[in-house]
Full PDB file with SEQRES, HELIX, SHEET, SSBOND, CRYST1, ORIGX, SCALE, CONECT and MASTER records, all heavy atoms in Angstrom:
SEQRES   1 A   32  ALA LEU LEU VAL THR GLY GLY SER GLU TYR PRO GLY MET          
SEQRES   2 A   32  PHE VAL ALA PRO ARG LYS VAL ALA GLY ALA ALA PHE LYS          
SEQRES   3 A   32  THR LEU GLY MET PRO LEU                                      
HELIX    1 AA1 VAL A   15  LEU A   28  1                                  14    
CRYST1    1.000    1.000    1.000  90.00  90.00  90.00 P 1           1          
ORIGX1      1.000000  0.000000  0.000000        0.00000                         
ORIGX2      0.000000  1.000000  0.000000        0.00000                         
ORIGX3      0.000000  0.000000  1.000000        0.00000                         
SCALE1      1.000000  0.000000  0.000000        0.00000                         
SCALE2      0.000000  1.000000  0.000000        0.00000                         
SCALE3      0.000000  0.000000  1.000000        0.00000                         
ATOM      1  N   ALA A   1     221.541  61.791 -28.891  1.00  0.00           N  
ATOM      2  CA  ALA A   1     220.531  62.310 -29.802  1.00  0.00           C  
ATOM      3  C   ALA A   1     220.413  63.814 -29.585  1.00  0.00           C  
ATOM      4  O   ALA A   1     220.800  64.338 -28.537  1.00  0.00           O  
ATOM      5  CB  ALA A   1     219.193  61.629 -29.562  1.00  0.00           C  
ATOM      6  N   LEU A   2     219.869  64.495 -30.566  1.00  0.00           N  
ATOM      7  CA  LEU A   2     219.690  65.939 -30.519  1.00  0.00           C  
ATOM      8  C   LEU A   2     218.252  66.273 -30.889  1.00  0.00           C  
ATOM      9  O   LEU A   2     217.738  65.771 -31.890  1.00  0.00           O  
ATOM     10  CB  LEU A   2     220.659  66.625 -31.491  1.00  0.00           C  
ATOM     11  CG  LEU A   2     220.510  68.135 -31.667  1.00  0.00           C  
ATOM     12  CD1 LEU A   2     220.827  68.868 -30.360  1.00  0.00           C  
ATOM     13  CD2 LEU A   2     221.403  68.626 -32.803  1.00  0.00           C  
ATOM     14  N   LEU A   3     217.632  67.120 -30.080  1.00  0.00           N  
ATOM     15  CA  LEU A   3     216.288  67.635 -30.374  1.00  0.00           C  
ATOM     16  C   LEU A   3     216.386  69.147 -30.454  1.00  0.00           C  
ATOM     17  O   LEU A   3     216.819  69.798 -29.499  1.00  0.00           O  
ATOM     18  CB  LEU A   3     215.298  67.244 -29.279  1.00  0.00           C  
ATOM     19  CG  LEU A   3     215.220  65.772 -28.897  1.00  0.00           C  
ATOM     20  CD1 LEU A   3     214.183  65.568 -27.802  1.00  0.00           C  
ATOM     21  CD2 LEU A   3     214.909  64.915 -30.101  1.00  0.00           C  
ATOM     22  N   VAL A   4     216.011  69.705 -31.598  1.00  0.00           N  
ATOM     23  CA  VAL A   4     216.099  71.148 -31.813  1.00  0.00           C  
ATOM     24  C   VAL A   4     214.760  71.652 -32.315  1.00  0.00           C  
ATOM     25  O   VAL A   4     214.125  71.017 -33.163  1.00  0.00           O  
ATOM     26  CB  VAL A   4     217.204  71.490 -32.843  1.00  0.00           C  
ATOM     27  CG1 VAL A   4     217.383  72.982 -32.956  1.00  0.00           C  
ATOM     28  CG2 VAL A   4     218.514  70.830 -32.487  1.00  0.00           C  
ATOM     29  N   THR A   5     214.339  72.798 -31.795  1.00  0.00           N  
ATOM     30  CA  THR A   5     213.097  73.405 -32.244  1.00  0.00           C  
ATOM     31  C   THR A   5     213.374  74.809 -32.752  1.00  0.00           C  
ATOM     32  O   THR A   5     214.303  75.476 -32.300  1.00  0.00           O  
ATOM     33  CB  THR A   5     212.065  73.473 -31.091  1.00  0.00           C  
ATOM     34  OG1 THR A   5     212.593  74.254 -30.024  1.00  0.00           O  
ATOM     35  CG2 THR A   5     211.715  72.082 -30.596  1.00  0.00           C  
ATOM     36  N   GLY A   6     212.553  75.226 -33.697  1.00  0.00           N  
ATOM     37  CA  GLY A   6     212.690  76.572 -34.251  1.00  0.00           C  
ATOM     38  C   GLY A   6     211.339  77.190 -34.504  1.00  0.00           C  
ATOM     39  O   GLY A   6     210.445  76.529 -35.037  1.00  0.00           O  
ATOM     40  N   GLY A   7     211.178  78.434 -34.126  1.00  0.00           N  
ATOM     41  CA  GLY A   7     209.901  79.117 -34.276  1.00  0.00           C  
ATOM     42  C   GLY A   7     209.509  79.370 -35.716  1.00  0.00           C  
ATOM     43  O   GLY A   7     208.335  79.438 -36.045  1.00  0.00           O  
ATOM     44  N   SER A   8     210.483  79.497 -36.587  1.00  0.00           N  
ATOM     45  CA  SER A   8     210.196  79.727 -38.007  1.00  0.00           C  
ATOM     46  C   SER A   8     210.616  78.498 -38.801  1.00  0.00           C  
ATOM     47  O   SER A   8     210.871  77.441 -38.229  1.00  0.00           O  
ATOM     48  CB  SER A   8     210.944  80.972 -38.490  1.00  0.00           C  
ATOM     49  OG  SER A   8     212.337  80.782 -38.381  1.00  0.00           O  
ATOM     50  N   GLU A   9     210.697  78.666 -40.093  1.00  0.00           N  
ATOM     51  CA  GLU A   9     211.122  77.553 -40.949  1.00  0.00           C  
ATOM     52  C   GLU A   9     211.878  78.112 -42.139  1.00  0.00           C  
ATOM     53  O   GLU A   9     211.399  79.033 -42.813  1.00  0.00           O  
ATOM     54  CB  GLU A   9     209.908  76.748 -41.414  1.00  0.00           C  
ATOM     55  CG  GLU A   9     210.269  75.494 -42.151  1.00  0.00           C  
ATOM     56  CD  GLU A   9     209.072  74.575 -42.387  1.00  0.00           C  
ATOM     57  OE1 GLU A   9     207.931  74.983 -42.133  1.00  0.00           O  
ATOM     58  OE2 GLU A   9     209.316  73.444 -42.830  1.00  0.00           O  
ATOM     59  N   TYR A  10     213.083  77.593 -42.375  1.00  0.00           N  
ATOM     60  CA  TYR A  10     213.871  78.002 -43.520  1.00  0.00           C  
ATOM     61  C   TYR A  10     214.817  76.864 -43.888  1.00  0.00           C  
ATOM     62  O   TYR A  10     215.132  76.026 -43.042  1.00  0.00           O  
ATOM     63  CB  TYR A  10     214.636  79.309 -43.254  1.00  0.00           C  
ATOM     64  CG  TYR A  10     215.483  79.298 -42.006  1.00  0.00           C  
ATOM     65  CD1 TYR A  10     216.820  78.891 -42.045  1.00  0.00           C  
ATOM     66  CD2 TYR A  10     214.951  79.710 -40.787  1.00  0.00           C  
ATOM     67  CE1 TYR A  10     217.598  78.883 -40.900  1.00  0.00           C  
ATOM     68  CE2 TYR A  10     215.734  79.708 -39.642  1.00  0.00           C  
ATOM     69  CZ  TYR A  10     217.056  79.298 -39.700  1.00  0.00           C  
ATOM     70  OH  TYR A  10     217.822  79.296 -38.570  1.00  0.00           O  
ATOM     71  N   PRO A  11     215.262  76.808 -45.137  1.00  0.00           N  
ATOM     72  CA  PRO A  11     216.126  75.705 -45.581  1.00  0.00           C  
ATOM     73  C   PRO A  11     217.417  75.636 -44.780  1.00  0.00           C  
ATOM     74  O   PRO A  11     218.058  76.647 -44.506  1.00  0.00           O  
ATOM     75  CB  PRO A  11     216.417  76.050 -47.048  1.00  0.00           C  
ATOM     76  CG  PRO A  11     215.330  76.978 -47.460  1.00  0.00           C  
ATOM     77  CD  PRO A  11     214.940  77.739 -46.219  1.00  0.00           C  
ATOM     78  N   GLY A  12     217.782  74.441 -44.381  1.00  0.00           N  
ATOM     79  CA  GLY A  12     219.042  74.193 -43.700  1.00  0.00           C  
ATOM     80  C   GLY A  12     219.112  74.679 -42.263  1.00  0.00           C  
ATOM     81  O   GLY A  12     220.197  74.753 -41.689  1.00  0.00           O  
ATOM     82  N   MET A  13     217.985  74.969 -41.667  1.00  0.00           N  
ATOM     83  CA  MET A  13     217.996  75.584 -40.340  1.00  0.00           C  
ATOM     84  C   MET A  13     218.588  74.704 -39.246  1.00  0.00           C  
ATOM     85  O   MET A  13     219.029  75.215 -38.220  1.00  0.00           O  
ATOM     86  CB  MET A  13     216.598  76.069 -39.948  1.00  0.00           C  
ATOM     87  CG  MET A  13     215.564  74.995 -39.740  1.00  0.00           C  
ATOM     88  SD  MET A  13     213.881  75.658 -39.542  1.00  0.00           S  
ATOM     89  CE  MET A  13     213.937  76.361 -37.912  1.00  0.00           C  
ATOM     90  N   PHE A  14     218.623  73.394 -39.442  1.00  0.00           N  
ATOM     91  CA  PHE A  14     219.133  72.514 -38.401  1.00  0.00           C  
ATOM     92  C   PHE A  14     220.531  71.959 -38.700  1.00  0.00           C  
ATOM     93  O   PHE A  14     221.040  71.127 -37.961  1.00  0.00           O  
ATOM     94  CB  PHE A  14     218.156  71.355 -38.169  1.00  0.00           C  
ATOM     95  CG  PHE A  14     216.793  71.814 -37.723  1.00  0.00           C  
ATOM     96  CD1 PHE A  14     215.669  71.534 -38.485  1.00  0.00           C  
ATOM     97  CD2 PHE A  14     216.635  72.538 -36.546  1.00  0.00           C  
ATOM     98  CE1 PHE A  14     214.411  71.957 -38.069  1.00  0.00           C  
ATOM     99  CE2 PHE A  14     215.392  72.966 -36.124  1.00  0.00           C  
ATOM    100  CZ  PHE A  14     214.274  72.685 -36.888  1.00  0.00           C  
ATOM    101  N   VAL A  15     221.165  72.441 -39.762  1.00  0.00           N  
ATOM    102  CA  VAL A  15     222.483  71.928 -40.151  1.00  0.00           C  
ATOM    103  C   VAL A  15     223.556  72.299 -39.121  1.00  0.00           C  
ATOM    104  O   VAL A  15     224.307  71.442 -38.653  1.00  0.00           O  
ATOM    105  CB  VAL A  15     222.875  72.424 -41.566  1.00  0.00           C  
ATOM    106  CG1 VAL A  15     224.312  72.058 -41.892  1.00  0.00           C  
ATOM    107  CG2 VAL A  15     221.921  71.853 -42.608  1.00  0.00           C  
ATOM    108  N   ALA A  16     223.656  73.567 -38.767  1.00  0.00           N  
ATOM    109  CA  ALA A  16     224.708  74.004 -37.836  1.00  0.00           C  
ATOM    110  C   ALA A  16     224.559  73.366 -36.456  1.00  0.00           C  
ATOM    111  O   ALA A  16     225.548  72.864 -35.908  1.00  0.00           O  
ATOM    112  CB  ALA A  16     224.729  75.530 -37.734  1.00  0.00           C  
ATOM    113  N   PRO A  17     223.354  73.341 -35.869  1.00  0.00           N  
ATOM    114  CA  PRO A  17     223.239  72.694 -34.555  1.00  0.00           C  
ATOM    115  C   PRO A  17     223.638  71.219 -34.584  1.00  0.00           C  
ATOM    116  O   PRO A  17     224.265  70.723 -33.640  1.00  0.00           O  
ATOM    117  CB  PRO A  17     221.763  72.852 -34.184  1.00  0.00           C  
ATOM    118  CG  PRO A  17     221.285  73.991 -34.999  1.00  0.00           C  
ATOM    119  CD  PRO A  17     222.105  73.984 -36.257  1.00  0.00           C  
ATOM    120  N   ARG A  18     223.312  70.533 -35.665  1.00  0.00           N  
ATOM    121  CA  ARG A  18     223.689  69.115 -35.768  1.00  0.00           C  
ATOM    122  C   ARG A  18     225.207  68.958 -35.806  1.00  0.00           C  
ATOM    123  O   ARG A  18     225.762  68.054 -35.192  1.00  0.00           O  
ATOM    124  CB  ARG A  18     223.039  68.465 -36.987  1.00  0.00           C  
ATOM    125  CG  ARG A  18     223.358  66.979 -37.060  1.00  0.00           C  
ATOM    126  CD  ARG A  18     222.803  66.308 -38.307  1.00  0.00           C  
ATOM    127  NE  ARG A  18     223.097  64.905 -38.274  1.00  0.00           N  
ATOM    128  CZ  ARG A  18     222.235  63.959 -37.985  1.00  0.00           C  
ATOM    129  NH1 ARG A  18     220.991  64.257 -37.698  1.00  0.00           N  
ATOM    130  NH2 ARG A  18     222.595  62.700 -37.976  1.00  0.00           N  
ATOM    131  N   LYS A  19     225.882  69.846 -36.534  1.00  0.00           N  
ATOM    132  CA  LYS A  19     227.344  69.768 -36.610  1.00  0.00           C  
ATOM    133  C   LYS A  19     227.986  70.012 -35.246  1.00  0.00           C  
ATOM    134  O   LYS A  19     228.918  69.309 -34.858  1.00  0.00           O  
ATOM    135  CB  LYS A  19     227.881  70.772 -37.638  1.00  0.00           C  
ATOM    136  CG  LYS A  19     227.641  70.350 -39.072  1.00  0.00           C  
ATOM    137  CD  LYS A  19     228.237  71.345 -40.039  1.00  0.00           C  
ATOM    138  CE  LYS A  19     227.999  70.877 -41.463  1.00  0.00           C  
ATOM    139  NZ  LYS A  19     228.616  71.784 -42.441  1.00  0.00           N  
ATOM    140  N   VAL A  20     227.489  70.995 -34.522  1.00  0.00           N  
ATOM    141  CA  VAL A  20     228.057  71.305 -33.204  1.00  0.00           C  
ATOM    142  C   VAL A  20     227.816  70.145 -32.243  1.00  0.00           C  
ATOM    143  O   VAL A  20     228.733  69.692 -31.550  1.00  0.00           O  
ATOM    144  CB  VAL A  20     227.465  72.616 -32.642  1.00  0.00           C  
ATOM    145  CG1 VAL A  20     227.873  72.827 -31.192  1.00  0.00           C  
ATOM    146  CG2 VAL A  20     227.889  73.801 -33.500  1.00  0.00           C  
ATOM    147  N   ALA A  21     226.583  69.646 -32.200  1.00  0.00           N  
ATOM    148  CA  ALA A  21     226.278  68.521 -31.304  1.00  0.00           C  
ATOM    149  C   ALA A  21     227.069  67.283 -31.718  1.00  0.00           C  
ATOM    150  O   ALA A  21     227.577  66.553 -30.861  1.00  0.00           O  
ATOM    151  CB  ALA A  21     224.783  68.225 -31.312  1.00  0.00           C  
ATOM    152  N   GLY A  22     227.183  67.041 -33.014  1.00  0.00           N  
ATOM    153  CA  GLY A  22     227.950  65.887 -33.489  1.00  0.00           C  
ATOM    154  C   GLY A  22     229.403  65.961 -33.055  1.00  0.00           C  
ATOM    155  O   GLY A  22     229.982  64.976 -32.601  1.00  0.00           O  
ATOM    156  N   ALA A  23     230.008  67.144 -33.165  1.00  0.00           N  
ATOM    157  CA  ALA A  23     231.398  67.314 -32.741  1.00  0.00           C  
ATOM    158  C   ALA A  23     231.530  67.143 -31.229  1.00  0.00           C  
ATOM    159  O   ALA A  23     232.487  66.528 -30.747  1.00  0.00           O  
ATOM    160  CB  ALA A  23     231.909  68.685 -33.169  1.00  0.00           C  
ATOM    161  N   ALA A  24     230.566  67.670 -30.487  1.00  0.00           N  
ATOM    162  CA  ALA A  24     230.603  67.553 -29.025  1.00  0.00           C  
ATOM    163  C   ALA A  24     230.523  66.092 -28.599  1.00  0.00           C  
ATOM    164  O   ALA A  24     231.320  65.624 -27.777  1.00  0.00           O  
ATOM    165  CB  ALA A  24     229.461  68.351 -28.402  1.00  0.00           C  
ATOM    166  N   PHE A  25     229.569  65.370 -29.153  1.00  0.00           N  
ATOM    167  CA  PHE A  25     229.419  63.964 -28.779  1.00  0.00           C  
ATOM    168  C   PHE A  25     230.598  63.125 -29.266  1.00  0.00           C  
ATOM    169  O   PHE A  25     231.012  62.187 -28.593  1.00  0.00           O  
ATOM    170  CB  PHE A  25     228.089  63.405 -29.276  1.00  0.00           C  
ATOM    171  CG  PHE A  25     226.911  63.858 -28.463  1.00  0.00           C  
ATOM    172  CD1 PHE A  25     225.859  64.525 -29.062  1.00  0.00           C  
ATOM    173  CD2 PHE A  25     226.849  63.615 -27.095  1.00  0.00           C  
ATOM    174  CE1 PHE A  25     224.758  64.932 -28.310  1.00  0.00           C  
ATOM    175  CE2 PHE A  25     225.759  64.016 -26.333  1.00  0.00           C  
ATOM    176  CZ  PHE A  25     224.720  64.683 -26.937  1.00  0.00           C  
ATOM    177  N   LYS A  26     231.159  63.474 -30.414  1.00  0.00           N  
ATOM    178  CA  LYS A  26     232.342  62.753 -30.904  1.00  0.00           C  
ATOM    179  C   LYS A  26     233.496  62.913 -29.915  1.00  0.00           C  
ATOM    180  O   LYS A  26     234.247  61.967 -29.663  1.00  0.00           O  
ATOM    181  CB  LYS A  26     232.744  63.273 -32.285  1.00  0.00           C  
ATOM    182  CG  LYS A  26     233.914  62.525 -32.886  1.00  0.00           C  
ATOM    183  CD  LYS A  26     234.231  63.024 -34.285  1.00  0.00           C  
ATOM    184  CE  LYS A  26     235.396  62.231 -34.858  1.00  0.00           C  
ATOM    185  NZ  LYS A  26     235.729  62.678 -36.200  1.00  0.00           N  
ATOM    186  N   THR A  27     233.629  64.102 -29.344  1.00  0.00           N  
ATOM    187  CA  THR A  27     234.658  64.349 -28.336  1.00  0.00           C  
ATOM    188  C   THR A  27     234.486  63.420 -27.144  1.00  0.00           C  
ATOM    189  O   THR A  27     235.468  62.989 -26.542  1.00  0.00           O  
ATOM    190  CB  THR A  27     234.606  65.826 -27.882  1.00  0.00           C  
ATOM    191  OG1 THR A  27     234.922  66.646 -29.002  1.00  0.00           O  
ATOM    192  CG2 THR A  27     235.579  66.107 -26.762  1.00  0.00           C  
ATOM    193  N   LEU A  28     233.240  63.093 -26.806  1.00  0.00           N  
ATOM    194  CA  LEU A  28     232.966  62.189 -25.687  1.00  0.00           C  
ATOM    195  C   LEU A  28     233.012  60.722 -26.099  1.00  0.00           C  
ATOM    196  O   LEU A  28     232.896  59.838 -25.255  1.00  0.00           O  
ATOM    197  CB  LEU A  28     231.596  62.498 -25.080  1.00  0.00           C  
ATOM    198  CG  LEU A  28     231.401  63.903 -24.522  1.00  0.00           C  
ATOM    199  CD1 LEU A  28     229.997  64.052 -23.955  1.00  0.00           C  
ATOM    200  CD2 LEU A  28     232.450  64.236 -23.480  1.00  0.00           C  
ATOM    201  N   GLY A  29     233.141  60.462 -27.395  1.00  0.00           N  
ATOM    202  CA  GLY A  29     233.146  59.087 -27.879  1.00  0.00           C  
ATOM    203  C   GLY A  29     231.748  58.492 -27.976  1.00  0.00           C  
ATOM    204  O   GLY A  29     231.592  57.278 -27.993  1.00  0.00           O  
ATOM    205  N   MET A  30     230.739  59.351 -28.044  1.00  0.00           N  
ATOM    206  CA  MET A  30     229.347  58.894 -28.116  1.00  0.00           C  
ATOM    207  C   MET A  30     228.809  59.150 -29.526  1.00  0.00           C  
ATOM    208  O   MET A  30     228.839  60.287 -29.990  1.00  0.00           O  
ATOM    209  CB  MET A  30     228.471  59.656 -27.117  1.00  0.00           C  
ATOM    210  CG  MET A  30     228.894  59.511 -25.680  1.00  0.00           C  
ATOM    211  SD  MET A  30     227.881  60.528 -24.579  1.00  0.00           S  
ATOM    212  CE  MET A  30     226.485  59.418 -24.388  1.00  0.00           C  
ATOM    213  N   PRO A  31     228.302  58.133 -30.196  1.00  0.00           N  
ATOM    214  CA  PRO A  31     227.751  58.366 -31.526  1.00  0.00           C  
ATOM    215  C   PRO A  31     226.427  59.128 -31.461  1.00  0.00           C  
ATOM    216  O   PRO A  31     225.565  58.824 -30.640  1.00  0.00           O  
ATOM    217  CB  PRO A  31     227.537  56.962 -32.085  1.00  0.00           C  
ATOM    218  CG  PRO A  31     227.439  56.078 -30.885  1.00  0.00           C  
ATOM    219  CD  PRO A  31     228.259  56.725 -29.812  1.00  0.00           C  
ATOM    220  N   LEU A  32     226.307  60.137 -32.310  1.00  0.00           N  
ATOM    221  CA  LEU A  32     225.044  60.864 -32.462  1.00  0.00           C  
ATOM    222  C   LEU A  32     224.196  60.055 -33.430  1.00  0.00           C  
ATOM    223  O   LEU A  32     224.436  60.058 -34.628  1.00  0.00           O  
ATOM    224  CB  LEU A  32     225.295  62.277 -32.997  1.00  0.00           C  
ATOM    225  CG  LEU A  32     224.065  63.139 -33.274  1.00  0.00           C  
ATOM    226  CD1 LEU A  32     223.258  63.369 -31.997  1.00  0.00           C  
ATOM    227  CD2 LEU A  32     224.484  64.470 -33.882  1.00  0.00           C  
TER     228      LEU A  32                                                      
MASTER        0    0    0    1    0    0    0    6  227    1    0    3          
END                                                                             
């Protein structure tokens, strides 16, 4: 799982972190 916080708010702000974490966990064979 991934928990991300951001001080501000804007559209799509959590898209890139999810992609990076998803790729990292996929490398380990762990489903996000």
